[in-house]
Amino acid sequence: MSQQRLEDLEYELELKNAEIDELNMELQNKTEEINKLKLYSTKLKYANKNLEDKLDTKIDYDKAMLKELDDLSQKIKEKESIIEDKQDQVRYLRSLIDDYKTQLHSNTENLEVQLKRISKTYEDLLKQKDAIIEKQDEEIANLIKSKEEIIKSNKTAVISLKLQNEKYQEIIEKLTKTN
């Protein structure tokens, strides 16, 4: 009878050892999953840092573009001043035309062509300025929206990873307590 009891105990011991081996394998798998998640978390942190750096670079670029727009605006003002000067010159030359009609007829035509070119150039510069300002406003709005979406996404990912990590920690603690 005791031999039968000893065999039963040995059989139970083998079953328990098999269960322990199975639990150790599960624990090892969970540990590997945790390590993978830690690596993924680190990867996300670096990706987030890279995105922030890219965003900072883009913001610096946009600031430079805004500076160029300011410079362009200043140049437009200078061109407007030049145009006003040219218009004054045209008025003066037109007063001389009365005195020198035959001699300055060709000069008058040239001045009118220049005036049209200057007016056209001025209109084109104003259109370009407006288009550039609108484009920059859109780019800035898109950058801000993109940054906010990235931040939300990263926060969500970090919270999810923390929750998963806590679950795995609880599982590991339970497994280590049962052993």
Protein backbone atom coordinates (compact mmCIF):
# COMPACT_ATOMS: atom_id res chain seq x y z
CA MET A 1 0.00 0.00 0.00
CA SER A 2 2.78 2.39 0.81
CA GLN A 3 4.46 1.55 -2.51
CA GLN A 4 1.23 2.54 -4.29
CA ARG A 5 1.05 5.72 -2.22
CA LEU A 6 4.69 6.52 -3.05
CA GLU A 7 4.01 6.03 -6.76
CA ASP A 8 0.94 8.26 -6.52
CA LEU A 9 3.01 10.95 -4.83
CA GLU A 10 5.75 10.62 -7.44
CA TYR A 11 3.14 10.90 -10.17
CA GLU A 12 1.66 14.00 -8.52
CA LEU A 13 5.16 15.44 -8.15
CA GLU A 14 5.79 14.89 -11.87
CA LEU A 15 2.48 16.61 -12.70
CA LYS A 16 3.35 19.54 -10.48
CA ASN A 17 6.83 19.78 -12.04
CA ALA A 18 5.23 19.76 -15.50
CA GLU A 19 2.84 22.53 -14.40
CA ILE A 20 5.78 24.51 -13.00
CA ASP A 21 7.69 24.08 -16.27
CA GLU A 22 4.63 25.22 -18.21
CA LEU A 23 4.22 28.25 -15.94
CA ASN A 24 7.95 29.04 -16.30
CA MET A 25 7.56 28.95 -20.08
CA GLU A 26 4.55 31.28 -19.88
CA LEU A 27 6.51 33.57 -17.56
CA GLN A 28 9.40 33.61 -20.00
CA ASN A 29 7.01 34.45 -22.86
CA LYS A 30 5.45 37.25 -20.84
CA THR A 31 8.93 38.55 -19.97
CA GLU A 32 9.82 38.57 -23.66
CA GLU A 33 6.58 40.41 -24.45
CA ILE A 34 7.37 42.97 -21.74
CA ASN A 35 10.86 43.47 -23.18
CA LYS A 36 9.39 43.91 -26.65
CA LEU A 37 6.93 46.46 -25.30
CA LYS A 38 9.75 48.30 -23.53
CA LEU A 39 11.70 48.43 -26.80
CA TYR A 40 8.60 49.64 -28.61
CA SER A 41 8.07 52.31 -25.96
CA THR A 42 11.66 53.49 -26.39
CA LYS A 43 11.20 53.50 -30.16
CA LEU A 44 8.06 55.63 -29.76
CA LYS A 45 9.91 58.07 -27.50
CA TYR A 46 12.66 58.50 -30.09
CA ALA A 47 10.11 58.81 -32.89
CA ASN A 48 8.28 61.47 -30.87
CA LYS A 49 11.56 63.32 -30.28
CA ASN A 50 12.34 63.17 -34.00
CA LEU A 51 8.89 64.49 -34.84
CA GLU A 52 9.31 67.33 -32.36
CA ASP A 53 12.70 68.16 -33.89
CA LYS A 54 11.19 68.14 -37.37
CA LEU A 55 8.36 70.36 -36.18
CA ASP A 56 10.84 72.78 -34.60
CA THR A 57 12.80 72.85 -37.87
CA LYS A 58 9.60 73.52 -39.82
CA ILE A 59 8.63 76.29 -37.41
CA ASP A 60 12.08 77.86 -37.83
CA TYR A 61 11.65 77.58 -41.60
CA ASP A 62 8.22 79.21 -41.38
CA LYS A 63 9.65 82.01 -39.26
CA ALA A 64 12.30 82.57 -41.91
CA MET A 65 9.58 82.64 -44.56
CA LEU A 66 7.64 85.19 -42.51
CA LYS A 67 10.81 87.28 -42.28
CA GLU A 68 11.12 87.05 -46.06
CA LEU A 69 7.50 88.15 -46.36
CA ASP A 70 8.24 91.13 -44.14
CA ASP A 71 11.24 91.94 -46.33
CA LEU A 72 9.06 91.58 -49.42
CA SER A 73 6.50 93.90 -47.86
CA GLN A 74 9.25 96.44 -47.25
CA LYS A 75 10.41 96.08 -50.85
CA ILE A 76 6.84 96.59 -52.03
CA LYS A 77 6.67 99.80 -50.02
CA GLU A 78 9.93 100.89 -51.61
CA LYS A 79 8.52 99.99 -55.03
CA GLU A 80 5.41 102.01 -54.25
CA SER A 81 7.61 104.96 -53.40
CA ILE A 82 9.53 104.43 -56.64
CA ILE A 83 6.23 104.22 -58.52
CA GLU A 84 5.10 107.48 -56.98
CA ASP A 85 8.40 109.04 -58.01
CA LYS A 86 7.97 107.63 -61.52
CA GLN A 87 4.43 109.00 -61.68
CA ASP A 88 5.75 112.43 -60.67
CA GLN A 89 8.38 112.15 -63.38
CA VAL A 90 5.68 111.21 -65.91
CA ARG A 91 3.65 114.30 -64.96
CA TYR A 92 6.70 116.49 -65.37
CA LEU A 93 7.55 114.95 -68.72
CA ARG A 94 3.97 115.35 -69.91
CA SER A 95 4.18 119.06 -69.16
CA LEU A 96 7.29 119.20 -71.33
CA ILE A 97 5.51 117.35 -74.12
CA ASP A 98 3.44 120.43 -74.81
CA ASP A 99 6.67 122.31 -75.52
CA TYR A 100 8.43 119.55 -77.41
CA LYS A 101 5.62 117.55 -79.06
CA THR A 102 7.41 116.46 -82.13
CA GLN A 103 10.77 115.87 -80.47
CA LEU A 104 9.48 113.93 -77.42
CA HIS A 105 6.63 111.98 -79.01
CA SER A 106 8.57 108.70 -78.87
CA ASN A 107 9.69 109.43 -75.28
CA THR A 108 6.07 109.87 -74.23
CA GLU A 109 5.12 106.47 -75.61
CA ASN A 110 8.06 104.84 -73.82
CA LEU A 111 7.09 106.46 -70.54
CA GLU A 112 3.49 105.23 -70.87
CA VAL A 113 4.75 101.70 -71.53
CA GLN A 114 7.01 101.94 -68.46
CA LEU A 115 4.13 103.22 -66.39
CA LYS A 116 1.97 100.27 -67.49
CA ARG A 117 4.80 97.85 -66.69
CA ILE A 118 5.31 99.41 -63.30
CA SER A 119 1.58 99.28 -62.59
CA LYS A 120 1.42 95.67 -63.78
CA THR A 121 4.49 94.79 -61.72
CA TYR A 122 2.97 96.49 -58.71
CA GLU A 123 -0.29 94.57 -59.12
CA ASP A 124 1.60 91.31 -59.59
CA LEU A 125 3.68 91.96 -56.47
CA LEU A 126 0.53 92.65 -54.47
CA LYS A 127 -1.03 89.41 -55.74
CA GLN A 128 2.15 87.48 -54.92
CA LYS A 129 2.27 89.00 -51.44
CA ASP A 130 -1.36 88.03 -50.77
CA ALA A 131 -0.82 84.50 -52.09
CA ILE A 132 2.32 84.01 -50.00
CA ILE A 133 0.60 85.27 -46.85
CA GLU A 134 -2.38 82.95 -47.40
CA LYS A 135 -0.10 79.99 -48.04
CA GLN A 136 1.93 80.67 -44.90
CA ASP A 137 -1.24 81.01 -42.82
CA GLU A 138 -2.43 77.64 -44.11
CA GLU A 139 0.94 76.01 -43.45
CA ILE A 140 1.07 77.37 -39.92
CA ALA A 141 -2.47 76.16 -39.20
CA ASN A 142 -1.64 72.73 -40.63
CA LEU A 143 1.54 72.51 -38.55
CA ILE A 144 -0.30 73.41 -35.37
CA LYS A 145 -3.04 70.87 -36.12
CA SER A 146 -0.46 68.20 -36.98
CA LYS A 147 1.49 68.87 -33.80
CA GLU A 148 -1.66 68.61 -31.66
CA GLU A 149 -2.62 65.32 -33.32
CA ILE A 150 0.87 63.89 -32.79
CA ILE A 151 0.85 64.92 -29.14
CA LYS A 152 -2.60 63.33 -28.61
CA SER A 153 -1.50 60.15 -30.38
CA ASN A 154 1.71 59.89 -28.37
CA LYS A 155 -0.10 60.49 -25.08
CA THR A 156 -2.60 57.77 -25.92
CA ALA A 157 0.18 55.34 -26.85
CA VAL A 158 2.13 56.07 -23.67
CA ILE A 159 -0.96 55.60 -21.48
CA SER A 160 -1.78 52.34 -23.25
CA LEU A 161 1.78 51.07 -22.79
CA LYS A 162 1.75 52.04 -19.11
CA LEU A 163 -1.52 50.16 -18.57
CA GLN A 164 -0.18 47.10 -20.37
CA ASN A 165 3.02 47.25 -18.39
CA GLU A 166 1.06 47.44 -15.13
CA LYS A 167 -1.02 44.40 -16.17
CA TYR A 168 2.13 42.44 -16.96
CA GLN A 169 3.70 43.52 -13.68
CA GLU A 170 0.62 42.22 -11.83
CA ILE A 171 0.80 38.94 -13.74
CA ILE A 172 4.50 38.60 -12.97
CA GLU A 173 3.88 39.34 -9.30
CA LYS A 174 1.08 36.77 -9.17
CA LEU A 175 3.29 34.20 -10.87
CA THR A 176 6.23 34.91 -8.60
CA LYS A 177 3.98 34.69 -5.49
CA THR A 178 2.58 31.33 -6.58
CA ASN A 179 6.09 29.99 -7.05
